[in-house]
Amino acid sequence: MQDWLFEFLKIDNWLEFWWVALGFLAQAIFASRFIVQWIASERAGRSYVPVAFWYLSISGGLLMLSYAIYRQDPVFILGQSTGVIVYARNLMLIHRTRRDEQTTEAVDAVHTTK
C-alpha cells in the first residue's frame, strides 16, 4: 500500500506525504471560495463576493505558498505571494469600510438623540 501511494504521489517518504497532504488541503480551501461565492451570488440574485471568499482566499493562498516554498517552485511562489497580498488588501479595505460605517452610525445616533 505504501509503495503504491508513494509512487502515485511521486514521493519518497512520509515527510513528503504530509507536505503533499497540506498541498491538497490548501487547494481544497482555495477552491471552496468559488463555491461560497456562487452560493452567495445565488442567494443575492446578483454577482456578489462575500467576505468569506477573501478569508478562504488568504487561508488557502498562505497554505499553498508554504507548499510552494517547500517545493522550491519559483513560479508557484510568485503567483501565490502576489495573490496573498491582494487578498490581504481586500480584507483591509473591507474592515476599514466596516469601521468607518460603524463610526458614522455612532455619530448619527448621537446627533439624532439630541
C-alpha atoms as a PDB file:
ATOM      1  CA  MET A   1       0.000   0.000   0.000  1.00  0.00           C
ATOM      2  CA  GLN A   2       2.750   2.455   0.975  1.00  0.00           C
ATOM      3  CA  ASP A   3       4.719   1.717  -2.185  1.00  0.00           C
ATOM      4  CA  TRP A   4       1.670   2.306  -4.358  1.00  0.00           C
ATOM      5  CA  LEU A   5       0.814   5.547  -2.517  1.00  0.00           C
ATOM      6  CA  PHE A   6       4.355   6.913  -2.710  1.00  0.00           C
ATOM      7  CA  GLU A   7       4.605   6.048  -6.404  1.00  0.00           C
ATOM      8  CA  PHE A   8       1.187   7.584  -7.146  1.00  0.00           C
ATOM      9  CA  LEU A   9       2.130  10.821  -5.362  1.00  0.00           C
ATOM     10  CA  LYS A  10       5.696  10.804  -6.741  1.00  0.00           C
ATOM     11  CA  ILE A  11       7.200  10.988  -3.238  1.00  0.00           C
ATOM     12  CA  ASP A  12       9.892   9.111  -1.323  1.00  0.00           C
ATOM     13  CA  ASN A  13       8.962   9.355   2.355  1.00  0.00           C
ATOM     14  CA  TRP A  14       6.306  10.252   4.913  1.00  0.00           C
ATOM     15  CA  LEU A  15       7.522  13.835   5.313  1.00  0.00           C
ATOM     16  CA  GLU A  16       6.841  14.353   1.628  1.00  0.00           C
ATOM     17  CA  PHE A  17       3.441  12.701   2.099  1.00  0.00           C
ATOM     18  CA  TRP A  18       2.441  15.244   4.737  1.00  0.00           C
ATOM     19  CA  TRP A  19       3.571  18.133   2.540  1.00  0.00           C
ATOM     20  CA  VAL A  20       1.508  16.776  -0.345  1.00  0.00           C
ATOM     21  CA  ALA A  21      -1.449  16.351   2.026  1.00  0.00           C
ATOM     22  CA  LEU A  22      -1.019  20.004   3.056  1.00  0.00           C
ATOM     23  CA  GLY A  23      -0.947  20.961  -0.632  1.00  0.00           C
ATOM     24  CA  PHE A  24      -4.214  19.112  -1.264  1.00  0.00           C
ATOM     25  CA  LEU A  25      -5.821  20.718   1.790  1.00  0.00           C
ATOM     26  CA  ALA A  26      -4.644  24.141   0.642  1.00  0.00           C
ATOM     27  CA  GLN A  27      -6.080  23.552  -2.818  1.00  0.00           C
ATOM     28  CA  ALA A  28      -9.400  22.394  -1.349  1.00  0.00           C
ATOM     29  CA  ILE A  29      -9.666  25.519   0.830  1.00  0.00           C
ATOM     30  CA  PHE A  30      -8.704  27.755  -2.085  1.00  0.00           C
ATOM     31  CA  ALA A  31     -11.180  26.075  -4.449  1.00  0.00           C
ATOM     32  CA  SER A  32     -14.007  26.217  -1.891  1.00  0.00           C
ATOM     33  CA  ARG A  33     -14.025  30.008  -2.180  1.00  0.00           C
ATOM     34  CA  PHE A  34     -15.702  29.699  -5.578  1.00  0.00           C
ATOM     35  CA  ILE A  35     -18.477  27.535  -4.155  1.00  0.00           C
ATOM     36  CA  VAL A  36     -19.021  30.074  -1.351  1.00  0.00           C
ATOM     37  CA  GLN A  37     -19.122  32.924  -3.882  1.00  0.00           C
ATOM     38  CA  TRP A  38     -21.516  31.034  -6.135  1.00  0.00           C
ATOM     39  CA  ILE A  39     -23.926  30.272  -3.275  1.00  0.00           C
ATOM     40  CA  ALA A  40     -23.782  33.874  -2.026  1.00  0.00           C
ATOM     41  CA  SER A  41     -24.465  35.187  -5.530  1.00  0.00           C
ATOM     42  CA  GLU A  42     -27.416  32.838  -5.991  1.00  0.00           C
ATOM     43  CA  ARG A  43     -28.890  33.970  -2.675  1.00  0.00           C
ATOM     44  CA  ALA A  44     -28.362  37.641  -3.552  1.00  0.00           C
ATOM     45  CA  GLY A  45     -29.716  37.186  -7.067  1.00  0.00           C
ATOM     46  CA  ARG A  46     -26.667  39.007  -8.458  1.00  0.00           C
ATOM     47  CA  SER A  47     -22.914  38.621  -8.611  1.00  0.00           C
ATOM     48  CA  TYR A  48     -21.677  39.030  -5.053  1.00  0.00           C
ATOM     49  CA  VAL A  49     -18.337  38.393  -3.332  1.00  0.00           C
ATOM     50  CA  PRO A  50     -18.821  37.683   0.382  1.00  0.00           C
ATOM     51  CA  VAL A  51     -16.108  38.368   2.967  1.00  0.00           C
ATOM     52  CA  ALA A  52     -15.746  34.595   3.448  1.00  0.00           C
ATOM     53  CA  PHE A  53     -14.382  34.458  -0.119  1.00  0.00           C
ATOM     54  CA  TRP A  54     -11.410  36.611   0.914  1.00  0.00           C
ATOM     55  CA  TYR A  55     -10.756  34.644   4.116  1.00  0.00           C
ATOM     56  CA  LEU A  56     -10.761  31.391   2.149  1.00  0.00           C
ATOM     57  CA  SER A  57      -8.522  33.011  -0.461  1.00  0.00           C
ATOM     58  CA  ILE A  58      -5.923  34.144   2.055  1.00  0.00           C
ATOM     59  CA  SER A  59      -6.045  30.888   4.053  1.00  0.00           C
ATOM     60  CA  GLY A  60      -5.688  28.676   1.000  1.00  0.00           C
ATOM     61  CA  GLY A  61      -3.162  31.057  -0.540  1.00  0.00           C
ATOM     62  CA  LEU A  62      -0.913  31.074   2.525  1.00  0.00           C
ATOM     63  CA  LEU A  63      -1.024  27.287   2.785  1.00  0.00           C
ATOM     64  CA  MET A  64      -0.258  26.915  -0.926  1.00  0.00           C
ATOM     65  CA  LEU A  65       2.553  29.455  -0.589  1.00  0.00           C
ATOM     66  CA  SER A  66       4.036  27.330   2.205  1.00  0.00           C
ATOM     67  CA  TYR A  67       3.787  24.268  -0.006  1.00  0.00           C
ATOM     68  CA  ALA A  68       5.346  26.139  -2.952  1.00  0.00           C
ATOM     69  CA  ILE A  69       8.253  27.321  -0.792  1.00  0.00           C
ATOM     70  CA  TYR A  70       8.837  23.774   0.426  1.00  0.00           C
ATOM     71  CA  ARG A  71       8.793  22.537  -3.169  1.00  0.00           C
ATOM     72  CA  GLN A  72      11.062  25.435  -4.174  1.00  0.00           C
ATOM     73  CA  ASP A  73       8.898  26.284  -7.177  1.00  0.00           C
ATOM     74  CA  PRO A  74       9.586  29.933  -8.129  1.00  0.00           C
ATOM     75  CA  VAL A  75       6.590  30.218 -10.475  1.00  0.00           C
ATOM     76  CA  PHE A  76       4.208  28.902  -7.828  1.00  0.00           C
ATOM     77  CA  ILE A  77       5.854  31.059  -5.124  1.00  0.00           C
ATOM     78  CA  LEU A  78       5.492  34.237  -7.185  1.00  0.00           C
ATOM     79  CA  GLY A  79       1.868  33.514  -8.066  1.00  0.00           C
ATOM     80  CA  GLN A  80       0.797  32.714  -4.529  1.00  0.00           C
ATOM     81  CA  SER A  81       2.746  35.512  -2.843  1.00  0.00           C
ATOM     82  CA  THR A  82       1.234  38.193  -5.072  1.00  0.00           C
ATOM     83  CA  GLY A  83      -2.227  36.694  -4.609  1.00  0.00           C
ATOM     84  CA  VAL A  84      -1.884  36.755  -0.818  1.00  0.00           C
ATOM     85  CA  ILE A  85      -1.066  40.484  -0.995  1.00  0.00           C
ATOM     86  CA  VAL A  86      -4.266  41.139  -2.970  1.00  0.00           C
ATOM     87  CA  TYR A  87      -6.401  39.060  -0.575  1.00  0.00           C
ATOM     88  CA  ALA A  88      -4.934  40.801   2.469  1.00  0.00           C
ATOM     89  CA  ARG A  89      -5.516  44.213   0.932  1.00  0.00           C
ATOM     90  CA  ASN A  90      -9.139  43.401   0.144  1.00  0.00           C
ATOM     91  CA  LEU A  91      -9.703  42.304   3.750  1.00  0.00           C
ATOM     92  CA  MET A  92      -8.074  45.512   4.997  1.00  0.00           C
ATOM     93  CA  LEU A  93     -10.381  47.591   2.793  1.00  0.00           C
ATOM     94  CA  ILE A  94     -13.453  45.652   3.930  1.00  0.00           C
ATOM     95  CA  HIS A  95     -12.587  46.086   7.602  1.00  0.00           C
ATOM     96  CA  ARG A  96     -11.812  49.779   7.152  1.00  0.00           C
ATOM     97  CA  THR A  97     -15.150  50.327   5.414  1.00  0.00           C
ATOM     98  CA  ARG A  98     -16.997  48.495   8.187  1.00  0.00           C
ATOM     99  CA  ARG A  99     -15.177  50.518  10.861  1.00  0.00           C
ATOM    100  CA  ASP A 100     -15.989  53.774   9.059  1.00  0.00           C
ATOM    101  CA  GLU A 101     -19.652  52.757   8.723  1.00  0.00           C
ATOM    102  CA  GLN A 102     -19.852  51.938  12.437  1.00  0.00           C
ATOM    103  CA  THR A 103     -18.283  55.296  13.300  1.00  0.00           C
ATOM    104  CA  THR A 104     -20.749  57.098  11.038  1.00  0.00           C
ATOM    105  CA  GLU A 105     -23.668  55.213  12.582  1.00  0.00           C
ATOM    106  CA  ALA A 106     -22.462  56.076  16.098  1.00  0.00           C
ATOM    107  CA  VAL A 107     -22.113  59.761  15.198  1.00  0.00           C
ATOM    108  CA  ASP A 108     -25.550  59.768  13.568  1.00  0.00           C
ATOM    109  CA  ALA A 109     -27.059  58.126  16.657  1.00  0.00           C
ATOM    110  CA  VAL A 110     -25.579  60.832  18.894  1.00  0.00           C
ATOM    111  CA  HIS A 111     -26.920  63.593  16.647  1.00  0.00           C
ATOM    112  CA  THR A 112     -30.423  62.127  16.428  1.00  0.00           C
ATOM    113  CA  THR A 113     -30.758  61.794  20.218  1.00  0.00           C
ATOM    114  CA  LYS A 114     -30.018  65.495  20.792  1.00  0.00           C
END
